[in-house]
C-alpha atoms as a PDB file:
ATOM      1  CA  UNK A   1     -55.204 160.374 141.967  1.00  0.00           C
ATOM      2  CA  UNK A   2     -53.662 163.093 139.865  1.00  0.00           C
ATOM      3  CA  UNK A   3     -52.467 162.812 136.170  1.00  0.00           C
ATOM      4  CA  UNK A   4     -48.739 162.535 137.532  1.00  0.00           C
ATOM      5  CA  UNK A   5     -49.678 159.646 139.943  1.00  0.00           C
ATOM      6  CA  UNK A   6     -51.612 157.821 137.360  1.00  0.00           C
ATOM      7  CA  UNK A   7     -48.984 157.997 134.539  1.00  0.00           C
ATOM      8  CA  UNK A   8     -46.053 156.721 137.137  1.00  0.00           C
ATOM      9  CA  UNK A   9     -47.929 153.677 136.830  1.00  0.00           C
ATOM     10  CA  UNK A  10     -48.870 153.153 133.125  1.00  0.00           C
ATOM     11  CA  UNK A  11     -46.499 155.329 130.626  1.00  0.00           C
ATOM     12  CA  UNK A  12     -49.204 156.591 128.285  1.00  0.00           C
ATOM     13  CA  UNK A  13     -46.644 157.087 124.882  1.00  0.00           C
ATOM     14  CA  UNK A  14     -45.440 153.257 125.981  1.00  0.00           C
ATOM     15  CA  UNK A  15     -48.631 152.161 126.240  1.00  0.00           C
ATOM     16  CA  UNK A  16     -49.942 153.881 122.850  1.00  0.00           C
ATOM     17  CA  UNK A  17     -46.868 152.693 121.073  1.00  0.00           C
ATOM     18  CA  UNK A  18     -47.771 148.816 122.292  1.00  0.00           C
ATOM     19  CA  UNK A  19     -51.603 149.236 121.338  1.00  0.00           C
ATOM     20  CA  UNK A  20     -50.645 150.336 117.747  1.00  0.00           C
ATOM     21  CA  UNK A  21     -47.794 147.400 117.290  1.00  0.00           C
ATOM     22  CA  UNK A  22     -50.130 144.771 118.780  1.00  0.00           C
ATOM     23  CA  UNK A  23     -53.987 145.623 118.579  1.00  0.00           C
ATOM     24  CA  UNK A  24     -54.063 147.998 115.631  1.00  0.00           C
ATOM     25  CA  UNK A  25     -51.802 149.939 113.192  1.00  0.00           C
ATOM     26  CA  UNK A  26     -54.265 152.734 113.136  1.00  0.00           C
ATOM     27  CA  UNK A  27     -53.178 156.004 114.974  1.00  0.00           C
ATOM     28  CA  UNK A  28     -55.783 157.502 117.331  1.00  0.00           C
ATOM     29  CA  UNK A  29     -55.510 161.155 118.037  1.00  0.00           C
ATOM     30  CA  UNK A  30     -57.504 160.715 121.356  1.00  0.00           C
ATOM     31  CA  UNK A  31     -55.685 158.788 124.179  1.00  0.00           C
ATOM     32  CA  UNK A  32     -56.381 159.294 127.639  1.00  0.00           C
ATOM     33  CA  UNK A  33     -55.742 156.992 130.859  1.00  0.00           C
ATOM     34  CA  UNK A  34     -57.625 157.559 134.419  1.00  0.00           C
ATOM     35  CA  UNK A  35     -57.187 155.222 137.359  1.00  0.00           C
ATOM     36  CA  UNK A  36     -59.810 153.390 138.876  1.00  0.00           C
ATOM     37  CA  UNK A  37     -60.169 154.681 142.218  1.00  0.00           C
ATOM     38  CA  UNK A  38     -62.270 151.509 143.974  1.00  0.00           C
ATOM     39  CA  UNK A  39     -60.774 148.197 144.635  1.00  0.00           C
ATOM     40  CA  UNK A  40     -57.745 146.950 146.922  1.00  0.00           C
ATOM     41  CA  UNK A  41     -55.872 144.391 144.743  1.00  0.00           C
ATOM     42  CA  UNK A  42     -54.690 144.985 141.114  1.00  0.00           C
ATOM     43  CA  UNK A  43     -54.624 148.324 139.622  1.00  0.00           C
ATOM     44  CA  UNK A  44     -57.220 149.112 137.095  1.00  0.00           C
ATOM     45  CA  UNK A  45     -57.012 151.945 134.501  1.00  0.00           C
ATOM     46  CA  UNK A  46     -59.690 153.012 131.889  1.00  0.00           C
ATOM     47  CA  UNK A  47     -58.217 153.894 128.556  1.00  0.00           C
ATOM     48  CA  UNK A  48     -59.771 156.058 125.968  1.00  0.00           C
ATOM     49  CA  UNK A  49     -58.166 155.205 122.815  1.00  0.00           C
ATOM     50  CA  UNK A  50     -60.190 156.897 119.954  1.00  0.00           C
ATOM     51  CA  UNK A  51     -63.534 155.452 119.927  1.00  0.00           C
ATOM     52  CA  UNK A  52     -62.445 152.707 121.716  1.00  0.00           C
ATOM     53  CA  UNK A  53     -62.557 152.085 125.563  1.00  0.00           C
ATOM     54  CA  UNK A  54     -60.243 149.541 127.281  1.00  0.00           C
ATOM     55  CA  UNK A  55     -59.605 148.686 130.667  1.00  0.00           C
ATOM     56  CA  UNK A  56     -55.835 147.897 131.631  1.00  0.00           C
ATOM     57  CA  UNK A  57     -54.972 145.964 134.909  1.00  0.00           C
ATOM     58  CA  UNK A  58     -51.493 145.768 136.135  1.00  0.00           C
ATOM     59  CA  UNK A  59     -50.131 145.060 139.715  1.00  0.00           C
ATOM     60  CA  UNK A  60     -49.808 147.339 142.528  1.00  0.00           C
ATOM     61  CA  UNK A  61     -46.254 149.454 142.231  1.00  0.00           C
ATOM     62  CA  UNK A  62     -43.528 147.444 144.136  1.00  0.00           C
ATOM     63  CA  UNK A  63     -45.213 143.977 144.281  1.00  0.00           C
ATOM     64  CA  UNK A  64     -43.652 140.829 143.666  1.00  0.00           C
ATOM     65  CA  UNK A  65     -43.110 138.695 140.675  1.00  0.00           C
ATOM     66  CA  UNK A  66     -45.886 136.422 141.950  1.00  0.00           C
ATOM     67  CA  UNK A  67     -48.198 139.296 142.327  1.00  0.00           C
ATOM     68  CA  UNK A  68     -47.499 140.369 138.746  1.00  0.00           C
ATOM     69  CA  UNK A  69     -48.330 136.521 137.461  1.00  0.00           C
ATOM     70  CA  UNK A  70     -51.756 136.779 139.068  1.00  0.00           C
ATOM     71  CA  UNK A  71     -52.402 139.461 136.238  1.00  0.00           C
ATOM     72  CA  UNK A  72     -51.632 137.336 133.560  1.00  0.00           C
ATOM     73  CA  UNK A  73     -53.239 134.187 135.400  1.00  0.00           C
ATOM     74  CA  UNK A  74     -56.681 136.462 135.459  1.00  0.00           C
ATOM     75  CA  UNK A  75     -56.194 137.177 131.753  1.00  0.00           C
ATOM     76  CA  UNK A  76     -55.808 133.806 130.626  1.00  0.00           C
ATOM     77  CA  UNK A  77     -58.862 132.194 132.934  1.00  0.00           C
ATOM     78  CA  UNK A  78     -61.166 135.208 131.360  1.00  0.00           C
ATOM     79  CA  UNK A  79     -59.933 134.045 127.994  1.00  0.00           C
ATOM     80  CA  UNK A  80     -60.754 130.701 128.497  1.00  0.00           C
ATOM     81  CA  UNK A  81     -64.361 131.775 129.605  1.00  0.00           C
ATOM     82  CA  UNK A  82     -64.915 133.967 126.458  1.00  0.00           C
ATOM     83  CA  UNK A  83     -67.529 131.086 125.025  1.00  0.00           C
ATOM     84  CA  UNK A  84     -68.910 129.640 127.899  1.00  0.00           C
ATOM     85  CA  UNK A  85     -72.299 130.765 129.843  1.00  0.00           C
ATOM     86  CA  UNK A  86     -70.000 132.690 132.439  1.00  0.00           C
ATOM     87  CA  UNK A  87     -69.817 136.513 131.297  1.00  0.00           C
ATOM     88  CA  UNK A  88     -66.733 138.338 131.269  1.00  0.00           C
ATOM     89  CA  UNK A  89     -65.274 140.983 129.390  1.00  0.00           C
ATOM     90  CA  UNK A  90     -63.894 140.619 125.971  1.00  0.00           C
ATOM     91  CA  UNK A  91     -60.134 139.953 126.336  1.00  0.00           C
ATOM     92  CA  UNK A  92     -57.832 142.145 123.881  1.00  0.00           C
ATOM     93  CA  UNK A  93     -54.274 141.495 124.722  1.00  0.00           C
ATOM     94  CA  UNK A  94     -51.689 140.464 127.501  1.00  0.00           C
ATOM     95  CA  UNK A  95     -48.051 141.600 127.797  1.00  0.00           C
ATOM     96  CA  UNK A  96     -45.299 139.451 129.741  1.00  0.00           C
ATOM     97  CA  UNK A  97     -42.792 142.394 129.359  1.00  0.00           C
ATOM     98  CA  UNK A  98     -42.485 144.744 132.274  1.00  0.00           C
ATOM     99  CA  UNK A  99     -40.128 146.868 130.151  1.00  0.00           C
ATOM    100  CA  UNK A 100     -43.211 148.170 128.456  1.00  0.00           C
ATOM    101  CA  UNK A 101     -45.008 149.997 131.052  1.00  0.00           C
ATOM    102  CA  UNK A 102     -43.025 148.896 134.195  1.00  0.00           C
ATOM    103  CA  UNK A 103     -44.961 145.753 134.939  1.00  0.00           C
ATOM    104  CA  UNK A 104     -46.854 142.778 133.246  1.00  0.00           C
ATOM    105  CA  UNK A 105     -50.345 143.946 132.233  1.00  0.00           C
ATOM    106  CA  UNK A 106     -53.494 143.117 130.442  1.00  0.00           C
ATOM    107  CA  UNK A 107     -56.296 144.674 128.275  1.00  0.00           C
ATOM    108  CA  UNK A 108     -60.215 143.778 128.378  1.00  0.00           C
ATOM    109  CA  UNK A 109     -62.742 146.006 126.641  1.00  0.00           C
ATOM    110  CA  UNK A 110     -64.656 148.374 128.891  1.00  0.00           C
ATOM    111  CA  UNK A 111     -68.300 147.520 129.478  1.00  0.00           C
ATOM    112  CA  UNK A 112     -71.425 149.733 130.263  1.00  0.00           C
ATOM    113  CA  UNK A 113     -73.380 148.943 133.083  1.00  0.00           C
ATOM    114  CA  UNK A 114     -73.377 149.486 136.963  1.00  0.00           C
ATOM    115  CA  UNK A 115     -71.103 147.982 139.886  1.00  0.00           C
ATOM    116  CA  UNK A 116     -72.997 148.122 142.924  1.00  0.00           C
ATOM    117  CA  UNK A 117     -71.140 149.044 145.912  1.00  0.00           C
ATOM    118  CA  UNK A 118     -72.740 150.804 148.910  1.00  0.00           C
ATOM    119  CA  UNK A 119     -75.889 151.562 147.446  1.00  0.00           C
ATOM    120  CA  UNK A 120     -78.454 149.966 144.864  1.00  0.00           C
ATOM    121  CA  UNK A 121     -78.874 151.941 141.937  1.00  0.00           C
ATOM    122  CA  UNK A 122     -82.743 153.646 141.477  1.00  0.00           C
ATOM    123  CA  UNK A 123     -83.820 151.334 138.491  1.00  0.00           C
ATOM    124  CA  UNK A 124     -83.283 148.293 140.953  1.00  0.00           C
ATOM    125  CA  UNK A 125     -85.407 149.214 143.980  1.00  0.00           C
ATOM    126  CA  UNK A 126     -88.419 147.712 143.356  1.00  0.00           C
ATOM    127  CA  UNK A 127     -88.892 144.594 145.309  1.00  0.00           C
ATOM    128  CA  UNK A 128     -89.315 142.473 142.386  1.00  0.00           C
ATOM    129  CA  UNK A 129     -86.013 143.786 140.819  1.00  0.00           C
ATOM    130  CA  UNK A 130     -84.316 143.005 144.020  1.00  0.00           C
ATOM    131  CA  UNK A 131     -85.552 139.433 143.825  1.00  0.00           C
ATOM    132  CA  UNK A 132     -84.213 139.151 140.275  1.00  0.00           C
ATOM    133  CA  UNK A 133     -81.125 140.579 141.136  1.00  0.00           C
ATOM    134  CA  UNK A 134     -80.327 138.140 143.967  1.00  0.00           C
ATOM    135  CA  UNK A 135     -81.409 135.341 141.251  1.00  0.00           C
ATOM    136  CA  UNK A 136     -79.009 136.768 139.104  1.00  0.00           C
ATOM    137  CA  UNK A 137     -76.199 136.446 141.693  1.00  0.00           C
ATOM    138  CA  UNK A 138     -76.934 133.174 142.342  1.00  0.00           C
ATOM    139  CA  UNK A 139     -77.376 131.513 138.669  1.00  0.00           C
ATOM    140  CA  UNK A 140     -74.142 133.137 137.777  1.00  0.00           C
ATOM    141  CA  UNK A 141     -72.494 131.619 140.793  1.00  0.00           C
ATOM    142  CA  UNK A 142     -74.039 128.270 139.987  1.00  0.00           C
ATOM    143  CA  UNK A 143     -72.931 128.725 135.978  1.00  0.00           C
ATOM    144  CA  UNK A 144     -69.003 129.225 137.157  1.00  0.00           C
ATOM    145  CA  UNK A 145     -69.689 126.246 139.414  1.00  0.00           C
ATOM    146  CA  UNK A 146     -71.017 123.894 136.914  1.00  0.00           C
ATOM    147  CA  UNK A 147     -68.680 124.937 133.989  1.00  0.00           C
ATOM    148  CA  UNK A 148     -66.888 122.082 132.240  1.00  0.00           C
ATOM    149  CA  UNK A 149     -63.792 123.932 133.434  1.00  0.00           C
ATOM    150  CA  UNK A 150     -61.696 121.010 131.762  1.00  0.00           C
ATOM    151  CA  UNK A 151     -63.392 121.581 128.374  1.00  0.00           C
ATOM    152  CA  UNK A 152     -62.701 125.142 128.887  1.00  0.00           C
ATOM    153  CA  UNK A 153     -59.008 124.709 129.131  1.00  0.00           C
ATOM    154  CA  UNK A 154     -58.567 125.254 132.719  1.00  0.00           C
ATOM    155  CA  UNK A 155     -58.012 121.621 133.791  1.00  0.00           C
ATOM    156  CA  UNK A 156     -54.650 122.438 134.960  1.00  0.00           C
ATOM    157  CA  UNK A 157     -55.437 125.534 136.580  1.00  0.00           C
ATOM    158  CA  UNK A 158     -55.272 124.043 140.103  1.00  0.00           C
ATOM    159  CA  UNK A 159     -54.958 121.470 142.699  1.00  0.00           C
ATOM    160  CA  UNK A 160     -58.389 120.512 143.585  1.00  0.00           C
ATOM    161  CA  UNK A 161     -57.238 117.632 146.129  1.00  0.00           C
ATOM    162  CA  UNK A 162     -56.901 119.206 149.854  1.00  0.00           C
ATOM    163  CA  UNK A 163     -58.068 122.666 148.598  1.00  0.00           C
ATOM    164  CA  UNK A 164     -60.358 122.961 151.550  1.00  0.00           C
ATOM    165  CA  UNK A 165     -57.538 122.248 154.056  1.00  0.00           C
ATOM    166  CA  UNK A 166     -55.080 124.563 152.335  1.00  0.00           C
ATOM    167  CA  UNK A 167     -57.620 127.304 152.491  1.00  0.00           C
ATOM    168  CA  UNK A 168     -57.910 126.955 156.627  1.00  0.00           C
ATOM    169  CA  UNK A 169     -54.018 126.850 156.568  1.00  0.00           C
ATOM    170  CA  UNK A 170     -53.493 129.584 154.003  1.00  0.00           C
ATOM    171  CA  UNK A 171     -55.736 132.232 155.988  1.00  0.00           C
ATOM    172  CA  UNK A 172     -54.402 131.057 159.267  1.00  0.00           C
ATOM    173  CA  UNK A 173     -50.773 131.735 158.003  1.00  0.00           C
ATOM    174  CA  UNK A 174     -51.966 135.005 156.710  1.00  0.00           C
ATOM    175  CA  UNK A 175     -53.465 136.106 159.907  1.00  0.00           C
ATOM    176  CA  UNK A 176     -50.125 134.961 161.996  1.00  0.00           C
ATOM    177  CA  UNK A 177     -48.206 137.221 159.601  1.00  0.00           C
ATOM    178  CA  UNK A 178     -50.735 140.325 160.547  1.00  0.00           C
ATOM    179  CA  UNK A 179     -50.837 139.494 164.249  1.00  0.00           C
ATOM    180  CA  UNK A 180     -46.738 140.057 163.885  1.00  0.00           C
ATOM    181  CA  UNK A 181     -47.683 143.776 163.711  1.00  0.00           C
ATOM    182  CA  UNK A 182     -51.074 144.347 165.003  1.00  0.00           C
ATOM    183  CA  UNK A 183     -50.915 142.539 168.159  1.00  0.00           C
ATOM    184  CA  UNK A 184     -48.887 145.449 169.363  1.00  0.00           C
ATOM    185  CA  UNK A 185     -51.749 147.567 169.341  1.00  0.00           C
ATOM    186  CA  UNK A 186     -54.822 144.986 170.182  1.00  0.00           C
ATOM    187  CA  UNK A 187     -55.270 141.178 170.119  1.00  0.00           C
ATOM    188  CA  UNK A 188     -58.257 139.223 168.682  1.00  0.00           C
ATOM    189  CA  UNK A 189     -58.086 136.087 170.852  1.00  0.00           C
ATOM    190  CA  UNK A 190     -61.555 134.979 169.017  1.00  0.00           C
ATOM    191  CA  UNK A 191     -59.758 134.672 165.377  1.00  0.00           C
ATOM    192  CA  UNK A 192     -57.445 132.253 166.829  1.00  0.00           C
ATOM    193  CA  UNK A 193     -60.402 130.221 168.295  1.00  0.00           C
ATOM    194  CA  UNK A 194     -62.223 130.368 165.131  1.00  0.00           C
ATOM    195  CA  UNK A 195     -58.915 129.261 163.300  1.00  0.00           C
ATOM    196  CA  UNK A 196     -58.711 125.996 165.539  1.00  0.00           C
ATOM    197  CA  UNK A 197     -62.482 125.132 165.002  1.00  0.00           C
ATOM    198  CA  UNK A 198     -62.008 125.390 161.298  1.00  0.00           C
ATOM    199  CA  UNK A 199     -58.889 123.212 161.713  1.00  0.00           C
ATOM    200  CA  UNK A 200     -60.900 120.579 163.731  1.00  0.00           C
ATOM    201  CA  UNK A 201     -64.010 120.631 161.366  1.00  0.00           C
ATOM    202  CA  UNK A 202     -62.690 120.764 158.006  1.00  0.00           C
ATOM    203  CA  UNK A 203     -65.094 118.594 155.866  1.00  0.00           C
ATOM    204  CA  UNK A 204     -65.131 116.103 152.822  1.00  0.00           C
ATOM    205  CA  UNK A 205     -64.997 118.189 149.755  1.00  0.00           C
ATOM    206  CA  UNK A 206     -67.834 117.897 146.964  1.00  0.00           C
ATOM    207  CA  UNK A 207     -66.693 117.234 143.509  1.00  0.00           C
ATOM    208  CA  UNK A 208     -64.231 120.209 142.121  1.00  0.00           C
ATOM    209  CA  UNK A 209     -65.350 122.965 140.291  1.00  0.00           C
ATOM    210  CA  UNK A 210     -63.858 126.352 138.866  1.00  0.00           C
ATOM    211  CA  UNK A 211     -63.642 128.669 141.947  1.00  0.00           C
ATOM    212  CA  UNK A 212     -63.997 132.216 141.787  1.00  0.00           C
ATOM    213  CA  UNK A 213     -62.187 133.160 144.931  1.00  0.00           C
ATOM    214  CA  UNK A 214     -63.668 136.444 145.758  1.00  0.00           C
ATOM    215  CA  UNK A 215     -67.249 136.020 144.104  1.00  0.00           C
ATOM    216  CA  UNK A 216     -69.281 139.300 145.924  1.00  0.00           C
ATOM    217  CA  UNK A 217     -71.832 141.671 144.348  1.00  0.00           C
ATOM    218  CA  UNK A 218     -69.250 144.504 144.078  1.00  0.00           C
ATOM    219  CA  UNK A 219     -67.341 142.027 141.863  1.00  0.00           C
ATOM    220  CA  UNK A 220     -69.904 141.919 139.381  1.00  0.00           C
ATOM    221  CA  UNK A 221     -71.619 144.319 136.862  1.00  0.00           C
ATOM    222  CA  UNK A 222     -75.210 144.710 135.972  1.00  0.00           C
ATOM    223  CA  UNK A 223     -76.190 145.586 132.433  1.00  0.00           C
ATOM    224  CA  UNK A 224     -78.019 148.844 131.697  1.00  0.00           C
ATOM    225  CA  UNK A 225     -82.118 148.550 131.831  1.00  0.00           C
ATOM    226  CA  UNK A 226     -84.120 146.295 133.652  1.00  0.00           C
ATOM    227  CA  UNK A 227     -84.946 143.395 134.657  1.00  0.00           C
ATOM    228  CA  UNK A 228     -81.108 142.880 136.343  1.00  0.00           C
ATOM    229  CA  UNK A 229     -78.644 141.208 134.177  1.00  0.00           C
ATOM    230  CA  UNK A 230     -75.440 140.550 135.293  1.00  0.00           C
ATOM    231  CA  UNK A 231     -73.000 141.328 132.210  1.00  0.00           C
ATOM    232  CA  UNK A 232     -69.461 140.314 133.539  1.00  0.00           C
ATOM    233  CA  UNK A 233     -67.830 139.184 136.695  1.00  0.00           C
ATOM    234  CA  UNK A 234     -64.506 140.728 137.522  1.00  0.00           C
ATOM    235  CA  UNK A 235     -61.215 140.179 139.506  1.00  0.00           C
ATOM    236  CA  UNK A 236     -60.274 136.674 138.703  1.00  0.00           C
ATOM    237  CA  UNK A 237     -56.846 136.697 140.399  1.00  0.00           C
ATOM    238  CA  UNK A 238     -57.739 134.386 142.987  1.00  0.00           C
ATOM    239  CA  UNK A 239     -59.611 132.112 140.668  1.00  0.00           C
ATOM    240  CA  UNK A 240     -58.417 128.181 140.820  1.00  0.00           C
ATOM    241  CA  UNK A 241     -60.035 124.497 140.799  1.00  0.00           C
ATOM    242  CA  UNK A 242     -61.132 123.700 144.266  1.00  0.00           C
ATOM    243  CA  UNK A 243     -64.043 123.770 146.593  1.00  0.00           C
ATOM    244  CA  UNK A 244     -67.028 125.425 145.344  1.00  0.00           C
ATOM    245  CA  UNK A 245     -68.770 125.891 148.723  1.00  0.00           C
ATOM    246  CA  UNK A 246     -66.011 128.041 149.827  1.00  0.00           C
ATOM    247  CA  UNK A 247     -67.469 130.511 147.015  1.00  0.00           C
ATOM    248  CA  UNK A 248     -70.752 130.198 148.573  1.00  0.00           C
ATOM    249  CA  UNK A 249     -69.897 130.545 152.132  1.00  0.00           C
ATOM    250  CA  UNK A 250     -67.742 133.620 151.063  1.00  0.00           C
ATOM    251  CA  UNK A 251     -70.838 135.067 149.101  1.00  0.00           C
ATOM    252  CA  UNK A 252     -73.189 134.863 152.174  1.00  0.00           C
ATOM    253  CA  UNK A 253     -70.476 136.611 154.272  1.00  0.00           C
ATOM    254  CA  UNK A 254     -71.109 139.988 152.454  1.00  0.00           C
ATOM    255  CA  UNK A 255     -75.201 139.481 152.477  1.00  0.00           C
ATOM    256  CA  UNK A 256     -76.809 141.082 155.226  1.00  0.00           C
ATOM    257  CA  UNK A 257     -80.025 139.410 156.655  1.00  0.00           C
ATOM    258  CA  UNK A 258     -82.494 141.758 158.899  1.00  0.00           C
ATOM    259  CA  UNK A 259     -81.387 139.381 162.225  1.00  0.00           C
ATOM    260  CA  UNK A 260     -77.871 140.090 162.191  1.00  0.00           C
ATOM    261  CA  UNK A 261     -76.531 140.930 165.397  1.00  0.00           C
ATOM    262  CA  UNK A 262     -74.047 143.095 163.883  1.00  0.00           C
ATOM    263  CA  UNK A 263     -72.802 144.151 160.448  1.00  0.00           C
ATOM    264  CA  UNK A 264     -69.360 145.636 159.029  1.00  0.00           C
ATOM    265  CA  UNK A 265     -71.245 148.331 156.926  1.00  0.00           C
ATOM    266  CA  UNK A 266     -68.276 149.718 155.498  1.00  0.00           C
ATOM    267  CA  UNK A 267     -67.320 146.473 153.987  1.00  0.00           C
ATOM    268  CA  UNK A 268     -70.751 145.006 153.075  1.00  0.00           C
ATOM    269  CA  UNK A 269     -73.857 146.525 151.564  1.00  0.00           C
ATOM    270  CA  UNK A 270     -76.509 146.642 153.594  1.00  0.00           C
ATOM    271  CA  UNK A 271     -79.199 147.374 151.163  1.00  0.00           C
ATOM    272  CA  UNK A 272     -79.993 143.880 151.243  1.00  0.00           C
ATOM    273  CA  UNK A 273     -82.033 144.307 154.163  1.00  0.00           C
ATOM    274  CA  UNK A 274     -84.710 145.880 152.011  1.00  0.00           C
ATOM    275  CA  UNK A 275     -87.781 144.483 151.258  1.00  0.00           C
ATOM    276  CA  UNK A 276     -87.817 141.920 148.070  1.00  0.00           C
ATOM    277  CA  UNK A 277     -84.100 140.506 148.846  1.00  0.00           C
ATOM    278  CA  UNK A 278     -83.835 136.982 149.957  1.00  0.00           C
ATOM    279  CA  UNK A 279     -82.193 136.003 153.417  1.00  0.00           C
ATOM    280  CA  UNK A 280     -79.123 134.085 153.079  1.00  0.00           C
ATOM    281  CA  UNK A 281     -80.978 130.723 153.653  1.00  0.00           C
ATOM    282  CA  UNK A 282     -83.122 131.310 151.003  1.00  0.00           C
ATOM    283  CA  UNK A 283     -80.056 132.606 148.801  1.00  0.00           C
ATOM    284  CA  UNK A 284     -78.592 129.071 149.836  1.00  0.00           C
ATOM    285  CA  UNK A 285     -81.765 127.080 148.923  1.00  0.00           C
ATOM    286  CA  UNK A 286     -81.713 128.946 145.572  1.00  0.00           C
ATOM    287  CA  UNK A 287     -78.072 127.717 145.178  1.00  0.00           C
ATOM    288  CA  UNK A 288     -79.149 123.908 145.823  1.00  0.00           C
ATOM    289  CA  UNK A 289     -81.787 124.409 143.682  1.00  0.00           C
ATOM    290  CA  UNK A 290     -79.921 125.823 140.488  1.00  0.00           C
ATOM    291  CA  UNK A 291     -76.495 123.946 140.744  1.00  0.00           C
ATOM    292  CA  UNK A 292     -77.773 120.461 142.406  1.00  0.00           C
ATOM    293  CA  UNK A 293     -74.987 121.016 145.071  1.00  0.00           C
ATOM    294  CA  UNK A 294     -76.084 120.497 148.344  1.00  0.00           C
ATOM    295  CA  UNK A 295     -74.506 123.146 151.183  1.00  0.00           C
ATOM    296  CA  UNK A 296     -73.717 120.596 153.230  1.00  0.00           C
ATOM    297  CA  UNK A 297     -71.475 121.295 156.333  1.00  0.00           C
ATOM    298  CA  UNK A 298     -72.714 125.186 155.840  1.00  0.00           C
ATOM    299  CA  UNK A 299     -71.501 125.971 159.190  1.00  0.00           C
ATOM    300  CA  UNK A 300     -68.089 125.468 158.232  1.00  0.00           C
ATOM    301  CA  UNK A 301     -68.175 127.521 155.107  1.00  0.00           C
ATOM    302  CA  UNK A 302     -70.037 130.254 156.535  1.00  0.00           C
ATOM    303  CA  UNK A 303     -67.553 130.293 159.323  1.00  0.00           C
ATOM    304  CA  UNK A 304     -64.511 130.196 156.831  1.00  0.00           C
ATOM    305  CA  UNK A 305     -65.999 132.818 154.746  1.00  0.00           C
ATOM    306  CA  UNK A 306     -66.188 135.222 157.605  1.00  0.00           C
ATOM    307  CA  UNK A 307     -62.817 134.286 158.690  1.00  0.00           C
ATOM    308  CA  UNK A 308     -61.171 134.871 155.436  1.00  0.00           C
ATOM    309  CA  UNK A 309     -63.084 138.681 155.244  1.00  0.00           C
ATOM    310  CA  UNK A 310     -61.388 139.075 158.836  1.00  0.00           C
ATOM    311  CA  UNK A 311     -57.802 137.888 157.344  1.00  0.00           C
ATOM    312  CA  UNK A 312     -58.026 140.229 154.583  1.00  0.00           C
ATOM    313  CA  UNK A 313     -59.089 143.138 156.752  1.00  0.00           C
ATOM    314  CA  UNK A 314     -56.291 142.582 159.068  1.00  0.00           C
ATOM    315  CA  UNK A 315     -53.731 142.331 156.504  1.00  0.00           C
ATOM    316  CA  UNK A 316     -54.911 145.790 155.318  1.00  0.00           C
ATOM    317  CA  UNK A 317     -54.581 146.886 159.089  1.00  0.00           C
ATOM    318  CA  UNK A 318     -51.022 145.158 159.491  1.00  0.00           C
ATOM    319  CA  UNK A 319     -49.750 147.035 156.246  1.00  0.00           C
ATOM    320  CA  UNK A 320     -51.360 150.413 157.696  1.00  0.00           C
ATOM    321  CA  UNK A 321     -49.310 150.276 160.556  1.00  0.00           C
ATOM    322  CA  UNK A 322     -46.040 149.377 158.866  1.00  0.00           C
ATOM    323  CA  UNK A 323     -46.283 151.491 155.936  1.00  0.00           C
ATOM    324  CA  UNK A 324     -49.354 154.303 156.396  1.00  0.00           C
ATOM    325  CA  UNK A 325     -51.216 155.439 153.588  1.00  0.00           C
ATOM    326  CA  UNK A 326     -54.032 157.333 152.721  1.00  0.00           C
ATOM    327  CA  UNK A 327     -57.011 155.016 152.390  1.00  0.00           C
ATOM    328  CA  UNK A 328     -59.421 155.934 155.040  1.00  0.00           C
ATOM    329  CA  UNK A 329     -60.857 152.515 155.447  1.00  0.00           C
ATOM    330  CA  UNK A 330     -57.347 150.899 156.765  1.00  0.00           C
ATOM    331  CA  UNK A 331     -57.492 152.438 160.259  1.00  0.00           C
ATOM    332  CA  UNK A 332     -60.886 151.354 160.848  1.00  0.00           C
ATOM    333  CA  UNK A 333     -59.853 148.458 160.800  1.00  0.00           C
ATOM    334  CA  UNK A 334     -58.804 148.309 164.568  1.00  0.00           C
ATOM    335  CA  UNK A 335     -62.044 148.240 165.438  1.00  0.00           C
ATOM    336  CA  UNK A 336     -63.770 146.559 162.699  1.00  0.00           C
ATOM    337  CA  UNK A 337     -61.763 143.221 162.211  1.00  0.00           C
ATOM    338  CA  UNK A 338     -62.927 142.079 166.038  1.00  0.00           C
ATOM    339  CA  UNK A 339     -66.500 142.735 165.234  1.00  0.00           C
ATOM    340  CA  UNK A 340     -65.910 140.613 162.235  1.00  0.00           C
ATOM    341  CA  UNK A 341     -64.138 137.917 164.431  1.00  0.00           C
ATOM    342  CA  UNK A 342     -66.903 137.969 166.690  1.00  0.00           C
ATOM    343  CA  UNK A 343     -69.380 137.212 163.908  1.00  0.00           C
ATOM    344  CA  UNK A 344     -67.444 134.259 163.050  1.00  0.00           C
ATOM    345  CA  UNK A 345     -67.174 132.951 166.445  1.00  0.00           C
ATOM    346  CA  UNK A 346     -70.884 133.049 166.779  1.00  0.00           C
ATOM    347  CA  UNK A 347     -71.074 131.075 163.633  1.00  0.00           C
ATOM    348  CA  UNK A 348     -68.906 128.299 164.956  1.00  0.00           C
ATOM    349  CA  UNK A 349     -70.821 128.181 168.238  1.00  0.00           C
ATOM    350  CA  UNK A 350     -73.956 127.751 166.579  1.00  0.00           C
ATOM    351  CA  UNK A 351     -75.349 131.284 167.504  1.00  0.00           C
ATOM    352  CA  UNK A 352     -75.740 132.619 164.257  1.00  0.00           C
ATOM    353  CA  UNK A 353     -77.869 129.887 162.255  1.00  0.00           C
ATOM    354  CA  UNK A 354     -78.125 129.926 158.585  1.00  0.00           C
END
């Protein structure tokens, strides 16, 4: 993105004035804004302000007030997690006045480390480091779920009763919205079959916990050096209080196993196939041992996780068909979502066991 495009989303002069009024009265000569190019949700900008490095999060241009509210919700959640076992960046300030830069936003300190996407970093390529990385991922997810969310000030965050049912309904509704546009190109009957199966097999929920809502390997940062250590969990805008096993099922949807019949490699890392990484079954067992939460009804939760991946991707494709855009991933969804749907169907049919 050009400097002009970046500054059309964040007014540098207005932001600098806000920082001087809110964060510190000092006037810094150095002030620079870069837009983070990864991600598909809220806009993320890296701010250099003198000797301080900050991150700004704001809704995408043109999003609704509800979407804007998610930014402040994310800020509140991370602020409440500051003194807990859950690693999050230090929050700095939040602004609910859209007139300052054109949208509500918040600021946090920028951390140093690695967010892993398609390829693992060289320092983690030893089998023992791969196993340690997987253990870090599971323990961090467990720390989220074992947190006393009421003591952290998040007791009013969600409505845990009926959460799992609402997850199925929500993602079915999202898919129906997308199908209104995408079925002009191709249909995916497998997703409708999976949606009906999920509706008929909703389990009794375990005790409620804080739920991240989008926990996957590229939403965490690993600190510099070895052994692997997670220094922050990002992207809390979908977090709530609900069924912890929905997080685990979704996380496993992005974890490739050697016996997989197919994989959506443009969406999920395939390096977990390398020597040293546990299988999905082993990851689930690690979670059970660490948290004491039994992964009951695992077929349902894994199917729901893949169903949610398919739903998000079909919405990307619907928006691409309606609005266009230059994201090279979106047009690939025409062929990719049916592949994801076939995997969800295999899980419901018992053809892809844990």
